[in-house]
Amino acid sequence: MTILRLTYRLILIAVCIFYGMAEMFFLFPVYSKQRKLRAIQLWSRRVLAACGMELSVYGTLPSQGVGSMIIANHISWLDIMAVNAAFPNRFVAKDDVAKWPLVGYLATQAQTVYVARNKGSSGNSDKLRTVTDALKNGDTVTLFPEGTSSEGRSILPFKTSFFQAAFEARTPLIPVLCRYPNPDGSSPNPAAAYYGDISLVQSIKMICSRRSSKVELHFLPPVLPEGDRRQCAQAVRTALERKQRALG
């Protein structure tokens, strides 16, 4: 049954990806901005369903058309799908994502802002301006400031450079806790985590082999860009840690 389930879900994921590519190539040029966001939302929901993932969203979502920066912890490649399924927006992601087969193409077409791995990369200052302009124009941008993914048991220290965009655009930061709980509702689901030496193919197989899985997004109260960016980043991280402890 596990092999049949895996094969079936891999076929569904492939259909979703090729459909998404076709829609972006042929229809996105004529879609309005709102129609593009809606298409990304529906596509993300289909990918989660194809993987056997059930999404639950808690808290108050931000308003469309009002600039804000979502700050989320990072566990899986599915995090982007989950956030887009709840509230479609632009992302800041490692430049590695652009090289992923098919997914990289889709991410690029969705106006993902890629960040170089090297901390001192001069190109990242241009990316910061891009994010700042997007926020000023009323876009919502999601940032994973841990800089890498984890197994989901703790919130890693934040890299704070892109928090500056929220300060310059004077937009609120919205903490979002991402969780992939086991059926007991508390301990994290190890099959969902994409970190360390796990390859993308291995991660997809682990997720799709399970009978069913859950992903939760907890939208917390906004944090205003006050003080300096490091203090603000710590306030957001503290809010996420507090929520994580409360959920077990």
C-alpha atoms as a PDB file:
ATOM      1  CA  MET A   1       0.000   0.000   0.000  1.00  0.00           C
ATOM      2  CA  THR A   2       2.854   2.395   0.789  1.00  0.00           C
ATOM      3  CA  ILE A   3       4.359   2.023  -2.701  1.00  0.00           C
ATOM      4  CA  LEU A   4       0.955   2.500  -4.334  1.00  0.00           C
ATOM      5  CA  ARG A   5       0.287   5.584  -2.202  1.00  0.00           C
ATOM      6  CA  LEU A   6       3.697   7.042  -3.026  1.00  0.00           C
ATOM      7  CA  THR A   7       3.280   6.400  -6.754  1.00  0.00           C
ATOM      8  CA  TYR A   8      -0.206   7.883  -6.812  1.00  0.00           C
ATOM      9  CA  ARG A   9       0.860  11.030  -4.981  1.00  0.00           C
ATOM     10  CA  LEU A  10       3.972  11.517  -7.103  1.00  0.00           C
ATOM     11  CA  ILE A  11       1.745  11.415 -10.184  1.00  0.00           C
ATOM     12  CA  LEU A  12      -0.585  14.008  -8.617  1.00  0.00           C
ATOM     13  CA  ILE A  13       2.353  16.281  -7.748  1.00  0.00           C
ATOM     14  CA  ALA A  14       3.687  16.003 -11.302  1.00  0.00           C
ATOM     15  CA  VAL A  15       0.271  16.944 -12.692  1.00  0.00           C
ATOM     16  CA  CYS A  16       0.095  19.945 -10.330  1.00  0.00           C
ATOM     17  CA  ILE A  17       3.559  21.144 -11.319  1.00  0.00           C
ATOM     18  CA  PHE A  18       3.001  20.852 -15.062  1.00  0.00           C
ATOM     19  CA  TYR A  19      -0.408  22.498 -14.763  1.00  0.00           C
ATOM     20  CA  GLY A  20       1.164  25.339 -12.778  1.00  0.00           C
ATOM     21  CA  MET A  21       3.875  25.797 -15.391  1.00  0.00           C
ATOM     22  CA  ALA A  22       1.331  25.864 -18.202  1.00  0.00           C
ATOM     23  CA  GLU A  23      -0.853  28.388 -16.379  1.00  0.00           C
ATOM     24  CA  MET A  24       2.102  30.678 -15.629  1.00  0.00           C
ATOM     25  CA  PHE A  25       3.433  30.459 -19.174  1.00  0.00           C
ATOM     26  CA  PHE A  26       0.168  30.903 -21.054  1.00  0.00           C
ATOM     27  CA  LEU A  27      -2.212  32.719 -18.690  1.00  0.00           C
ATOM     28  CA  PHE A  28      -0.138  34.785 -16.254  1.00  0.00           C
ATOM     29  CA  PRO A  29       0.706  37.387 -18.943  1.00  0.00           C
ATOM     30  CA  VAL A  30      -3.010  38.304 -19.124  1.00  0.00           C
ATOM     31  CA  TYR A  31      -3.915  37.798 -15.454  1.00  0.00           C
ATOM     32  CA  SER A  32      -4.403  40.767 -13.130  1.00  0.00           C
ATOM     33  CA  LYS A  33      -2.283  40.914  -9.976  1.00  0.00           C
ATOM     34  CA  GLN A  34      -5.162  39.636  -7.857  1.00  0.00           C
ATOM     35  CA  ARG A  35      -5.900  36.820 -10.305  1.00  0.00           C
ATOM     36  CA  LYS A  36      -2.252  35.739 -10.164  1.00  0.00           C
ATOM     37  CA  LEU A  37      -2.358  35.592  -6.368  1.00  0.00           C
ATOM     38  CA  ARG A  38      -5.559  33.573  -6.473  1.00  0.00           C
ATOM     39  CA  ALA A  39      -4.042  31.149  -8.989  1.00  0.00           C
ATOM     40  CA  ILE A  40      -0.968  30.691  -6.777  1.00  0.00           C
ATOM     41  CA  GLN A  41      -3.215  30.081  -3.766  1.00  0.00           C
ATOM     42  CA  LEU A  42      -5.296  27.422  -5.545  1.00  0.00           C
ATOM     43  CA  TRP A  43      -2.193  25.751  -6.980  1.00  0.00           C
ATOM     44  CA  SER A  44      -0.547  25.626  -3.536  1.00  0.00           C
ATOM     45  CA  ARG A  45      -3.641  24.049  -2.030  1.00  0.00           C
ATOM     46  CA  ARG A  46      -3.627  21.377  -4.736  1.00  0.00           C
ATOM     47  CA  VAL A  47       0.042  20.565  -4.089  1.00  0.00           C
ATOM     48  CA  LEU A  48      -0.615  20.178  -0.351  1.00  0.00           C
ATOM     49  CA  ALA A  49      -3.577  17.911  -1.084  1.00  0.00           C
ATOM     50  CA  ALA A  50      -1.495  15.877  -3.529  1.00  0.00           C
ATOM     51  CA  CYS A  51       1.069  15.333  -0.752  1.00  0.00           C
ATOM     52  CA  GLY A  52      -1.635  14.206   1.675  1.00  0.00           C
ATOM     53  CA  MET A  53      -1.240  17.384   3.743  1.00  0.00           C
ATOM     54  CA  GLU A  54      -4.165  18.892   5.641  1.00  0.00           C
ATOM     55  CA  LEU A  55      -3.763  22.633   6.314  1.00  0.00           C
ATOM     56  CA  SER A  56      -5.128  24.355   9.417  1.00  0.00           C
ATOM     57  CA  VAL A  57      -4.841  28.144   9.823  1.00  0.00           C
ATOM     58  CA  TYR A  58      -5.216  29.980  13.131  1.00  0.00           C
ATOM     59  CA  GLY A  59      -5.254  33.678  13.980  1.00  0.00           C
ATOM     60  CA  THR A  60      -5.983  36.743  11.880  1.00  0.00           C
ATOM     61  CA  LEU A  61      -4.573  36.914   8.369  1.00  0.00           C
ATOM     62  CA  PRO A  62      -3.126  40.206   7.047  1.00  0.00           C
ATOM     63  CA  SER A  63      -5.142  42.312   4.610  1.00  0.00           C
ATOM     64  CA  GLN A  64      -4.426  42.070   0.903  1.00  0.00           C
ATOM     65  CA  GLY A  65      -3.079  45.264  -0.618  1.00  0.00           C
ATOM     66  CA  VAL A  66      -1.650  46.513   2.682  1.00  0.00           C
ATOM     67  CA  GLY A  67       2.112  46.035   2.891  1.00  0.00           C
ATOM     68  CA  SER A  68       3.315  43.661   5.598  1.00  0.00           C
ATOM     69  CA  MET A  69       6.179  41.262   6.213  1.00  0.00           C
ATOM     70  CA  ILE A  70       5.396  37.725   7.343  1.00  0.00           C
ATOM     71  CA  ILE A  71       8.147  36.242   9.522  1.00  0.00           C
ATOM     72  CA  ALA A  72       7.957  32.456   9.722  1.00  0.00           C
ATOM     73  CA  ASN A  73      10.079  29.615  11.032  1.00  0.00           C
ATOM     74  CA  HIS A  74      11.354  27.204   8.395  1.00  0.00           C
ATOM     75  CA  ILE A  75      10.896  23.427   8.507  1.00  0.00           C
ATOM     76  CA  SER A  76      10.079  22.110   5.045  1.00  0.00           C
ATOM     77  CA  TRP A  77       9.950  22.980   1.352  1.00  0.00           C
ATOM     78  CA  LEU A  78       6.197  22.748   1.922  1.00  0.00           C
ATOM     79  CA  ASP A  79       6.292  25.883   4.112  1.00  0.00           C
ATOM     80  CA  ILE A  80       6.013  28.066   1.003  1.00  0.00           C
ATOM     81  CA  MET A  81       3.035  26.052  -0.237  1.00  0.00           C
ATOM     82  CA  ALA A  82       1.341  26.277   3.152  1.00  0.00           C
ATOM     83  CA  VAL A  83       1.751  30.046   3.483  1.00  0.00           C
ATOM     84  CA  ASN A  84       0.636  30.630  -0.110  1.00  0.00           C
ATOM     85  CA  ALA A  85      -2.365  28.348   0.410  1.00  0.00           C
ATOM     86  CA  ALA A  86      -3.399  30.492   3.383  1.00  0.00           C
ATOM     87  CA  PHE A  87      -2.329  33.896   2.102  1.00  0.00           C
ATOM     88  CA  PRO A  88      -0.573  34.161  -1.290  1.00  0.00           C
ATOM     89  CA  ASN A  89       2.328  36.614  -1.375  1.00  0.00           C
ATOM     90  CA  ARG A  90       5.955  37.079  -2.404  1.00  0.00           C
ATOM     91  CA  PHE A  91       8.860  35.265  -0.728  1.00  0.00           C
ATOM     92  CA  VAL A  92      12.482  35.838   0.101  1.00  0.00           C
ATOM     93  CA  ALA A  93      14.320  32.551  -0.523  1.00  0.00           C
ATOM     94  CA  LYS A  94      17.834  31.158  -0.895  1.00  0.00           C
ATOM     95  CA  ASP A  95      19.138  31.297  -4.452  1.00  0.00           C
ATOM     96  CA  ASP A  96      19.357  27.491  -4.383  1.00  0.00           C
ATOM     97  CA  VAL A  97      15.572  27.362  -4.844  1.00  0.00           C
ATOM     98  CA  ALA A  98      15.880  28.918  -8.289  1.00  0.00           C
ATOM     99  CA  LYS A  99      17.874  25.853  -9.387  1.00  0.00           C
ATOM    100  CA  TRP A 100      15.334  23.285  -8.226  1.00  0.00           C
ATOM    101  CA  PRO A 101      13.735  21.416 -11.159  1.00  0.00           C
ATOM    102  CA  LEU A 102      10.340  22.888 -12.100  1.00  0.00           C
ATOM    103  CA  VAL A 103       9.759  24.310  -8.601  1.00  0.00           C
ATOM    104  CA  GLY A 104      12.447  26.903  -9.224  1.00  0.00           C
ATOM    105  CA  TYR A 105      10.705  28.015 -12.400  1.00  0.00           C
ATOM    106  CA  LEU A 106       7.400  28.374 -10.584  1.00  0.00           C
ATOM    107  CA  ALA A 107       9.019  30.291  -7.720  1.00  0.00           C
ATOM    108  CA  THR A 108      10.666  32.688 -10.154  1.00  0.00           C
ATOM    109  CA  GLN A 109       7.409  33.328 -11.979  1.00  0.00           C
ATOM    110  CA  ALA A 110       5.800  34.078  -8.594  1.00  0.00           C
ATOM    111  CA  GLN A 111       8.323  36.947  -8.170  1.00  0.00           C
ATOM    112  CA  THR A 112      10.393  35.287  -5.448  1.00  0.00           C
ATOM    113  CA  VAL A 113      13.292  37.443  -4.275  1.00  0.00           C
ATOM    114  CA  TYR A 114      16.418  35.255  -4.205  1.00  0.00           C
ATOM    115  CA  VAL A 115      19.167  35.838  -1.652  1.00  0.00           C
ATOM    116  CA  ALA A 116      22.767  34.701  -2.125  1.00  0.00           C
ATOM    117  CA  ARG A 117      24.195  32.283   0.435  1.00  0.00           C
ATOM    118  CA  ASN A 118      27.277  34.430   0.980  1.00  0.00           C
ATOM    119  CA  LYS A 119      26.472  36.922   3.732  1.00  0.00           C
ATOM    120  CA  GLY A 120      28.612  39.635   2.184  1.00  0.00           C
ATOM    121  CA  SER A 121      27.176  39.323  -1.314  1.00  0.00           C
ATOM    122  CA  SER A 122      26.804  42.788  -2.857  1.00  0.00           C
ATOM    123  CA  GLY A 123      23.729  41.667  -4.765  1.00  0.00           C
ATOM    124  CA  ASN A 124      21.739  41.282  -1.557  1.00  0.00           C
ATOM    125  CA  SER A 125      21.618  45.074  -1.074  1.00  0.00           C
ATOM    126  CA  ASP A 126      19.690  45.278  -4.344  1.00  0.00           C
ATOM    127  CA  LYS A 127      17.376  42.522  -3.089  1.00  0.00           C
ATOM    128  CA  LEU A 128      16.769  44.533   0.082  1.00  0.00           C
ATOM    129  CA  ARG A 129      15.653  47.493  -2.022  1.00  0.00           C
ATOM    130  CA  THR A 130      13.392  45.179  -4.033  1.00  0.00           C
ATOM    131  CA  VAL A 131      11.711  43.941  -0.848  1.00  0.00           C
ATOM    132  CA  THR A 132      11.390  47.481   0.506  1.00  0.00           C
ATOM    133  CA  ASP A 133       9.745  48.667  -2.707  1.00  0.00           C
ATOM    134  CA  ALA A 134       7.376  45.691  -2.693  1.00  0.00           C
ATOM    135  CA  LEU A 135       6.265  46.505   0.863  1.00  0.00           C
ATOM    136  CA  LYS A 136       5.777  50.177  -0.001  1.00  0.00           C
ATOM    137  CA  ASN A 137       3.628  49.134  -2.976  1.00  0.00           C
ATOM    138  CA  GLY A 138       1.281  47.197  -0.694  1.00  0.00           C
ATOM    139  CA  ASP A 139       2.679  43.698  -1.257  1.00  0.00           C
ATOM    140  CA  THR A 140       3.067  41.143   1.502  1.00  0.00           C
ATOM    141  CA  VAL A 141       6.478  39.466   1.595  1.00  0.00           C
ATOM    142  CA  THR A 142       7.350  36.327   3.558  1.00  0.00           C
ATOM    143  CA  LEU A 143      10.780  35.901   5.119  1.00  0.00           C
ATOM    144  CA  PHE A 144      12.329  32.808   6.735  1.00  0.00           C
ATOM    145  CA  PRO A 145      14.986  34.575   8.827  1.00  0.00           C
ATOM    146  CA  GLU A 146      16.501  31.414  10.327  1.00  0.00           C
ATOM    147  CA  GLY A 147      18.331  31.138   7.018  1.00  0.00           C
ATOM    148  CA  THR A 148      17.931  27.363   6.957  1.00  0.00           C
ATOM    149  CA  SER A 149      15.354  24.741   7.839  1.00  0.00           C
ATOM    150  CA  SER A 150      15.186  22.696  11.037  1.00  0.00           C
ATOM    151  CA  GLU A 151      13.291  19.707  12.403  1.00  0.00           C
ATOM    152  CA  GLY A 152      10.823  22.083  14.032  1.00  0.00           C
ATOM    153  CA  ARG A 153      11.592  21.551  17.715  1.00  0.00           C
ATOM    154  CA  SER A 154      13.017  25.025  18.254  1.00  0.00           C
ATOM    155  CA  ILE A 155      13.305  28.441  16.599  1.00  0.00           C
ATOM    156  CA  LEU A 156      16.846  29.008  15.333  1.00  0.00           C
ATOM    157  CA  PRO A 157      18.566  32.411  15.683  1.00  0.00           C
ATOM    158  CA  PHE A 158      17.419  34.993  13.129  1.00  0.00           C
ATOM    159  CA  LYS A 159      19.426  36.697  10.423  1.00  0.00           C
ATOM    160  CA  THR A 160      18.206  40.289  10.631  1.00  0.00           C
ATOM    161  CA  SER A 161      19.346  42.105   7.471  1.00  0.00           C
ATOM    162  CA  PHE A 162      16.010  41.895   5.651  1.00  0.00           C
ATOM    163  CA  PHE A 163      14.102  43.184   8.687  1.00  0.00           C
ATOM    164  CA  GLN A 164      15.462  46.553   7.608  1.00  0.00           C
ATOM    165  CA  ALA A 165      13.018  46.535   4.690  1.00  0.00           C
ATOM    166  CA  ALA A 166      10.059  46.639   7.106  1.00  0.00           C
ATOM    167  CA  PHE A 167      11.665  49.600   8.927  1.00  0.00           C
ATOM    168  CA  GLU A 168      12.236  51.539   5.721  1.00  0.00           C
ATOM    169  CA  ALA A 169       8.741  50.780   4.408  1.00  0.00           C
ATOM    170  CA  ARG A 170       7.153  51.316   7.866  1.00  0.00           C
ATOM    171  CA  THR A 171       5.157  48.103   7.593  1.00  0.00           C
ATOM    172  CA  PRO A 172       4.262  45.678  10.416  1.00  0.00           C
ATOM    173  CA  LEU A 173       5.932  42.310  10.879  1.00  0.00           C
ATOM    174  CA  ILE A 174       3.573  39.379  11.334  1.00  0.00           C
ATOM    175  CA  PRO A 175       4.993  36.339  13.169  1.00  0.00           C
ATOM    176  CA  VAL A 176       3.711  33.034  11.785  1.00  0.00           C
ATOM    177  CA  LEU A 177       4.506  29.754  13.518  1.00  0.00           C
ATOM    178  CA  CYS A 178       4.628  26.806  11.129  1.00  0.00           C
ATOM    179  CA  ARG A 179       4.080  23.334  12.634  1.00  0.00           C
ATOM    180  CA  TYR A 180       3.875  19.797  11.249  1.00  0.00           C
ATOM    181  CA  PRO A 181       2.448  17.906  14.234  1.00  0.00           C
ATOM    182  CA  ASN A 182       2.151  14.168  14.672  1.00  0.00           C
ATOM    183  CA  PRO A 183      -1.354  12.748  15.283  1.00  0.00           C
ATOM    184  CA  ASP A 184      -0.846  13.386  19.020  1.00  0.00           C
ATOM    185  CA  GLY A 185      -0.951  17.111  18.204  1.00  0.00           C
ATOM    186  CA  SER A 186       2.221  18.035  20.057  1.00  0.00           C
ATOM    187  CA  SER A 187       5.407  16.307  18.913  1.00  0.00           C
ATOM    188  CA  PRO A 188       6.723  17.295  15.458  1.00  0.00           C
ATOM    189  CA  ASN A 189       6.317  14.987  12.475  1.00  0.00           C
ATOM    190  CA  PRO A 190       9.901  14.005  11.491  1.00  0.00           C
ATOM    191  CA  ALA A 191       8.845  13.011   7.969  1.00  0.00           C
ATOM    192  CA  ALA A 192       7.896  16.617   7.156  1.00  0.00           C
ATOM    193  CA  ALA A 193      11.234  18.194   8.065  1.00  0.00           C
ATOM    194  CA  TYR A 194      13.610  19.012   5.207  1.00  0.00           C
ATOM    195  CA  TYR A 195      16.960  19.784   6.807  1.00  0.00           C
ATOM    196  CA  GLY A 196      20.540  18.612   7.165  1.00  0.00           C
ATOM    197  CA  ASP A 197      21.636  16.049   4.581  1.00  0.00           C
ATOM    198  CA  ILE A 198      18.115  15.107   3.501  1.00  0.00           C
ATOM    199  CA  SER A 199      17.700  15.572  -0.259  1.00  0.00           C
ATOM    200  CA  LEU A 200      14.597  17.043  -1.863  1.00  0.00           C
ATOM    201  CA  VAL A 201      13.770  13.646  -3.413  1.00  0.00           C
ATOM    202  CA  GLN A 202      14.096  11.903  -0.041  1.00  0.00           C
ATOM    203  CA  SER A 203      11.902  14.525   1.592  1.00  0.00           C
ATOM    204  CA  ILE A 204       9.173  14.160  -1.028  1.00  0.00           C
ATOM    205  CA  LYS A 205       9.216  10.378  -0.619  1.00  0.00           C
ATOM    206  CA  MET A 206       8.983  10.573   3.193  1.00  0.00           C
ATOM    207  CA  ILE A 207       6.045  12.986   3.053  1.00  0.00           C
ATOM    208  CA  CYS A 208       4.120  11.192   0.323  1.00  0.00           C
ATOM    209  CA  SER A 209       4.562   7.740   1.870  1.00  0.00           C
ATOM    210  CA  ARG A 210       2.563   8.629   4.980  1.00  0.00           C
ATOM    211  CA  ARG A 211      -1.158   7.965   5.050  1.00  0.00           C
ATOM    212  CA  SER A 212      -1.860  11.594   5.999  1.00  0.00           C
ATOM    213  CA  SER A 213      -0.077  14.556   7.549  1.00  0.00           C
ATOM    214  CA  LYS A 214      -0.954  17.957   8.961  1.00  0.00           C
ATOM    215  CA  VAL A 215       0.535  21.418   8.698  1.00  0.00           C
ATOM    216  CA  GLU A 216      -0.536  24.282  10.949  1.00  0.00           C
ATOM    217  CA  LEU A 217       0.006  28.009  10.499  1.00  0.00           C
ATOM    218  CA  HIS A 218      -0.481  30.204  13.556  1.00  0.00           C
ATOM    219  CA  PHE A 219      -0.728  33.917  12.662  1.00  0.00           C
ATOM    220  CA  LEU A 220       0.267  35.969  15.706  1.00  0.00           C
ATOM    221  CA  PRO A 221      -0.365  39.673  16.472  1.00  0.00           C
ATOM    222  CA  PRO A 222       1.729  42.096  14.383  1.00  0.00           C
ATOM    223  CA  VAL A 223       4.981  43.527  15.716  1.00  0.00           C
ATOM    224  CA  LEU A 224       5.632  47.150  14.771  1.00  0.00           C
ATOM    225  CA  PRO A 225       9.076  48.104  13.394  1.00  0.00           C
ATOM    226  CA  GLU A 226      10.312  50.003  16.440  1.00  0.00           C
ATOM    227  CA  GLY A 227      13.740  50.310  18.059  1.00  0.00           C
ATOM    228  CA  ASP A 228      16.370  48.766  15.838  1.00  0.00           C
ATOM    229  CA  ARG A 229      16.006  45.758  13.568  1.00  0.00           C
ATOM    230  CA  ARG A 230      17.827  43.359  15.919  1.00  0.00           C
ATOM    231  CA  GLN A 231      15.547  44.224  18.829  1.00  0.00           C
ATOM    232  CA  CYS A 232      12.531  43.859  16.570  1.00  0.00           C
ATOM    233  CA  ALA A 233      13.763  40.508  15.247  1.00  0.00           C
ATOM    234  CA  GLN A 234      14.224  39.264  18.811  1.00  0.00           C
ATOM    235  CA  ALA A 235      10.683  40.364  19.705  1.00  0.00           C
ATOM    236  CA  VAL A 236       9.313  38.364  16.777  1.00  0.00           C
ATOM    237  CA  ARG A 237      11.433  35.312  17.638  1.00  0.00           C
ATOM    238  CA  THR A 238      10.317  35.493  21.279  1.00  0.00           C
ATOM    239  CA  ALA A 239       6.658  35.575  20.190  1.00  0.00           C
ATOM    240  CA  LEU A 240       7.196  32.484  18.037  1.00  0.00           C
ATOM    241  CA  GLU A 241       9.039  30.637  20.822  1.00  0.00           C
ATOM    242  CA  ARG A 242       6.300  31.472  23.304  1.00  0.00           C
ATOM    243  CA  LYS A 243       3.619  30.153  20.957  1.00  0.00           C
ATOM    244  CA  GLN A 244       5.634  27.018  20.215  1.00  0.00           C
ATOM    245  CA  ARG A 245       5.990  26.257  23.944  1.00  0.00           C
ATOM    246  CA  ALA A 246       2.283  26.831  24.498  1.00  0.00           C
ATOM    247  CA  LEU A 247       1.402  24.293  21.821  1.00  0.00           C
ATOM    248  CA  GLY A 248       3.817  21.706  23.212  1.00  0.00           C
END
